[in-house]
Amino acid sequence: MDASALNNPRLQAMLEEEKRKAMANEFVAKLTDVCWDKCITGSIGSSFGNSEASCLSNCAKRFLELKMLTMQRVSSPR
């Protein structure tokens, strides 16, 4: 790839989109890892128990809130 290709707006847009997808996948993997370890205590069955489902829901909400707060703090000028 030559240097002029790096200045191509379509290529830049595609690269940004791929970067966003990778970040989203990383977020979901981290959320799954954290919440699974915290909430799933029994053997794996065909469905989650009520307490597991509630824990997973709360964990995901808190994880998302923390991620959003962190992003706001990092992006806000000091």
Protein backbone atom coordinates (compact mmCIF):
# COMPACT_ATOMS: atom_id res chain seq x y z
CA MET A 1 0.00 0.00 0.00
CA ASP A 2 1.39 3.38 -0.94
CA ALA A 3 1.22 6.52 1.19
CA SER A 4 -1.56 8.07 -0.90
CA ALA A 5 -3.90 5.22 0.00
CA LEU A 6 -3.63 6.19 3.67
CA ASN A 7 -5.14 9.59 2.82
CA ASN A 8 -8.17 8.02 1.13
CA PRO A 9 -11.32 9.12 3.03
CA ARG A 10 -13.15 5.85 2.27
CA LEU A 11 -10.24 3.82 3.62
CA GLN A 12 -10.09 6.03 6.72
CA ALA A 13 -13.83 5.56 7.28
CA MET A 14 -13.49 1.79 6.92
CA LEU A 15 -10.58 1.72 9.36
CA GLU A 16 -12.52 3.79 11.90
CA GLU A 17 -15.53 1.47 11.57
CA GLU A 18 -13.34 -1.58 12.11
CA LYS A 19 -11.77 0.10 15.14
CA ARG A 20 -15.25 0.77 16.60
CA LYS A 21 -16.26 -2.85 16.00
CA ALA A 22 -13.11 -4.11 17.71
CA MET A 23 -13.73 -1.84 20.71
CA ALA A 24 -17.33 -3.05 20.96
CA ASN A 25 -16.23 -6.68 20.82
CA GLU A 26 -13.61 -6.02 23.49
CA PHE A 27 -16.23 -4.33 25.69
CA VAL A 28 -18.66 -7.24 25.38
CA ALA A 29 -15.91 -9.78 26.10
CA LYS A 30 -14.82 -7.90 29.22
CA LEU A 31 -18.40 -7.45 30.42
CA THR A 32 -19.10 -11.13 29.88
CA ASP A 33 -15.95 -12.17 31.70
CA VAL A 34 -16.55 -9.93 34.71
CA CYS A 35 -20.27 -10.57 35.09
CA TRP A 36 -20.07 -14.30 34.39
CA ASP A 37 -17.45 -14.81 37.09
CA LYS A 38 -19.43 -12.70 39.54
CA CYS A 39 -22.93 -14.06 38.90
CA ILE A 40 -22.81 -17.65 37.67
CA THR A 41 -22.12 -19.77 40.71
CA GLY A 42 -23.84 -23.05 39.93
CA SER A 43 -23.64 -25.53 37.13
CA ILE A 44 -24.51 -24.39 33.65
CA GLY A 45 -28.00 -25.43 32.60
CA SER A 46 -30.37 -24.54 29.80
CA SER A 47 -31.34 -21.27 31.49
CA PHE A 48 -30.25 -18.97 34.27
CA GLY A 49 -31.88 -18.99 37.68
CA ASN A 50 -33.75 -15.86 38.81
CA SER A 51 -30.91 -14.70 41.05
CA GLU A 52 -28.34 -15.30 38.29
CA ALA A 53 -30.43 -13.40 35.73
CA SER A 54 -30.92 -10.51 38.13
CA CYS A 55 -27.22 -10.45 38.99
CA LEU A 56 -26.23 -10.49 35.31
CA SER A 57 -28.62 -7.66 34.53
CA ASN A 58 -27.41 -5.51 37.42
CA CYS A 59 -23.76 -6.29 36.69
CA ALA A 60 -24.14 -5.33 33.03
CA LYS A 61 -25.90 -2.08 33.95
CA ARG A 62 -23.21 -1.13 36.47
CA PHE A 63 -20.42 -2.10 34.07
CA LEU A 64 -21.95 0.09 31.36
CA GLU A 65 -22.46 3.00 33.76
CA LEU A 66 -18.86 2.78 34.91
CA LYS A 67 -17.60 2.61 31.31
CA MET A 68 -19.67 5.67 30.36
CA LEU A 69 -18.49 7.61 33.42
CA THR A 70 -14.88 6.71 32.67
CA MET A 71 -15.25 7.81 29.05
CA GLN A 72 -16.82 11.12 30.13
CA ARG A 73 -14.04 11.81 32.60
CA VAL A 74 -11.32 10.97 30.08
CA SER A 75 -12.86 13.05 27.30
CA SER A 76 -13.78 16.12 29.37
CA PRO A 77 -11.28 18.96 29.49
CA ARG A 78 -9.74 19.66 32.86
